[in-house]
């Protein structure tokens, strides 16, 4: 009985969620990882010679993650 109740409750919750909420659930962790990478790159940029290229790589990766997350957010569900 508990399992059936849980399945029904989960089904109800999924049916009530709009597509926007579902895509935000997917893309928010992606954006957090990208911004954490940018913070790491900024921290490493204090190293002479290799710091700035590393920071640039992390910024490009964050921009790529943001582009993918924006595309996912635009999916009409």
C-alpha atoms as a PDB file:
ATOM      1  CA  UNK A   1       0.000   0.000   0.000  1.00  0.00           C
ATOM      2  CA  UNK A   2       2.854   2.388   0.846  1.00  0.00           C
ATOM      3  CA  UNK A   3       4.497   1.800  -2.499  1.00  0.00           C
ATOM      4  CA  UNK A   4       1.307   2.489  -4.420  1.00  0.00           C
ATOM      5  CA  UNK A   5       0.769   5.714  -2.474  1.00  0.00           C
ATOM      6  CA  UNK A   6       4.308   6.849  -3.173  1.00  0.00           C
ATOM      7  CA  UNK A   7       3.991   6.083  -6.872  1.00  0.00           C
ATOM      8  CA  UNK A   8       0.720   7.985  -7.092  1.00  0.00           C
ATOM      9  CA  UNK A   9       2.144  10.945  -5.183  1.00  0.00           C
ATOM     10  CA  UNK A  10       5.229  11.018  -7.395  1.00  0.00           C
ATOM     11  CA  UNK A  11       3.085  10.799 -10.530  1.00  0.00           C
ATOM     12  CA  UNK A  12       0.944  13.672  -9.306  1.00  0.00           C
ATOM     13  CA  UNK A  13       3.976  15.814  -8.551  1.00  0.00           C
ATOM     14  CA  UNK A  14       5.521  15.152 -11.962  1.00  0.00           C
ATOM     15  CA  UNK A  15       2.262  15.937 -13.748  1.00  0.00           C
ATOM     16  CA  UNK A  16       1.929  19.247 -11.891  1.00  0.00           C
ATOM     17  CA  UNK A  17       5.456  20.405 -12.578  1.00  0.00           C
ATOM     18  CA  UNK A  18       5.737  22.567 -15.638  1.00  0.00           C
ATOM     19  CA  UNK A  19       8.450  21.968 -18.184  1.00  0.00           C
ATOM     20  CA  UNK A  20      10.245  25.075 -17.019  1.00  0.00           C
ATOM     21  CA  UNK A  21      10.643  23.680 -13.509  1.00  0.00           C
ATOM     22  CA  UNK A  22      11.854  20.335 -14.830  1.00  0.00           C
ATOM     23  CA  UNK A  23      14.523  21.923 -16.992  1.00  0.00           C
ATOM     24  CA  UNK A  24      15.619  24.205 -14.145  1.00  0.00           C
ATOM     25  CA  UNK A  25      16.108  21.130 -11.962  1.00  0.00           C
ATOM     26  CA  UNK A  26      18.494  19.796 -14.608  1.00  0.00           C
ATOM     27  CA  UNK A  27      20.336  23.009 -15.463  1.00  0.00           C
ATOM     28  CA  UNK A  28      20.881  24.503 -11.999  1.00  0.00           C
ATOM     29  CA  UNK A  29      23.522  21.928 -10.979  1.00  0.00           C
ATOM     30  CA  UNK A  30      25.202  22.417 -14.351  1.00  0.00           C
ATOM     31  CA  UNK A  31      25.454  26.156 -13.794  1.00  0.00           C
ATOM     32  CA  UNK A  32      26.774  25.664 -10.253  1.00  0.00           C
ATOM     33  CA  UNK A  33      29.573  23.406 -11.488  1.00  0.00           C
ATOM     34  CA  UNK A  34      30.457  25.916 -14.197  1.00  0.00           C
ATOM     35  CA  UNK A  35      30.617  28.811 -11.767  1.00  0.00           C
ATOM     36  CA  UNK A  36      32.699  26.740  -9.336  1.00  0.00           C
ATOM     37  CA  UNK A  37      35.149  26.111 -12.166  1.00  0.00           C
ATOM     38  CA  UNK A  38      35.367  29.831 -12.791  1.00  0.00           C
ATOM     39  CA  UNK A  39      36.179  30.429  -9.129  1.00  0.00           C
ATOM     40  CA  UNK A  40      38.926  27.791  -9.305  1.00  0.00           C
ATOM     41  CA  UNK A  41      40.299  29.375 -12.466  1.00  0.00           C
ATOM     42  CA  UNK A  42      40.312  32.805 -10.861  1.00  0.00           C
ATOM     43  CA  UNK A  43      42.130  31.426  -7.839  1.00  0.00           C
ATOM     44  CA  UNK A  44      44.727  29.718 -10.031  1.00  0.00           C
ATOM     45  CA  UNK A  45      45.237  32.884 -12.071  1.00  0.00           C
ATOM     46  CA  UNK A  46      47.555  34.213  -9.364  1.00  0.00           C
ATOM     47  CA  UNK A  47      50.170  31.684 -10.515  1.00  0.00           C
ATOM     48  CA  UNK A  48      52.632  33.291 -12.889  1.00  0.00           C
ATOM     49  CA  UNK A  49      52.778  32.028 -16.478  1.00  0.00           C
ATOM     50  CA  UNK A  50      50.216  29.186 -16.234  1.00  0.00           C
ATOM     51  CA  UNK A  51      47.548  30.930 -14.175  1.00  0.00           C
ATOM     52  CA  UNK A  52      45.944  33.059 -16.868  1.00  0.00           C
ATOM     53  CA  UNK A  53      45.661  30.274 -19.493  1.00  0.00           C
ATOM     54  CA  UNK A  54      44.059  28.021 -16.877  1.00  0.00           C
ATOM     55  CA  UNK A  55      41.635  30.790 -15.962  1.00  0.00           C
ATOM     56  CA  UNK A  56      40.758  31.261 -19.643  1.00  0.00           C
ATOM     57  CA  UNK A  57      40.059  27.540 -20.029  1.00  0.00           C
ATOM     58  CA  UNK A  58      37.724  27.563 -17.033  1.00  0.00           C
ATOM     59  CA  UNK A  59      35.918  30.646 -18.366  1.00  0.00           C
ATOM     60  CA  UNK A  60      35.421  29.004 -21.763  1.00  0.00           C
ATOM     61  CA  UNK A  61      34.124  25.847 -20.081  1.00  0.00           C
ATOM     62  CA  UNK A  62      31.693  27.905 -17.988  1.00  0.00           C
ATOM     63  CA  UNK A  63      30.468  29.714 -21.104  1.00  0.00           C
ATOM     64  CA  UNK A  64      29.924  26.369 -22.852  1.00  0.00           C
ATOM     65  CA  UNK A  65      27.994  25.015 -19.879  1.00  0.00           C
ATOM     66  CA  UNK A  66      25.828  28.142 -19.841  1.00  0.00           C
ATOM     67  CA  UNK A  67      25.090  27.801 -23.579  1.00  0.00           C
ATOM     68  CA  UNK A  68      24.042  24.165 -23.137  1.00  0.00           C
ATOM     69  CA  UNK A  69      21.950  25.010 -20.071  1.00  0.00           C
ATOM     70  CA  UNK A  70      20.209  27.806 -21.992  1.00  0.00           C
ATOM     71  CA  UNK A  71      19.369  25.378 -24.794  1.00  0.00           C
ATOM     72  CA  UNK A  72      17.954  22.901 -22.295  1.00  0.00           C
ATOM     73  CA  UNK A  73      15.879  25.675 -20.694  1.00  0.00           C
ATOM     74  CA  UNK A  74      14.418  26.484 -24.136  1.00  0.00           C
ATOM     75  CA  UNK A  75      13.124  22.929 -24.681  1.00  0.00           C
ATOM     76  CA  UNK A  76       9.333  23.116 -24.893  1.00  0.00           C
ATOM     77  CA  UNK A  77       8.103  20.433 -22.507  1.00  0.00           C
END
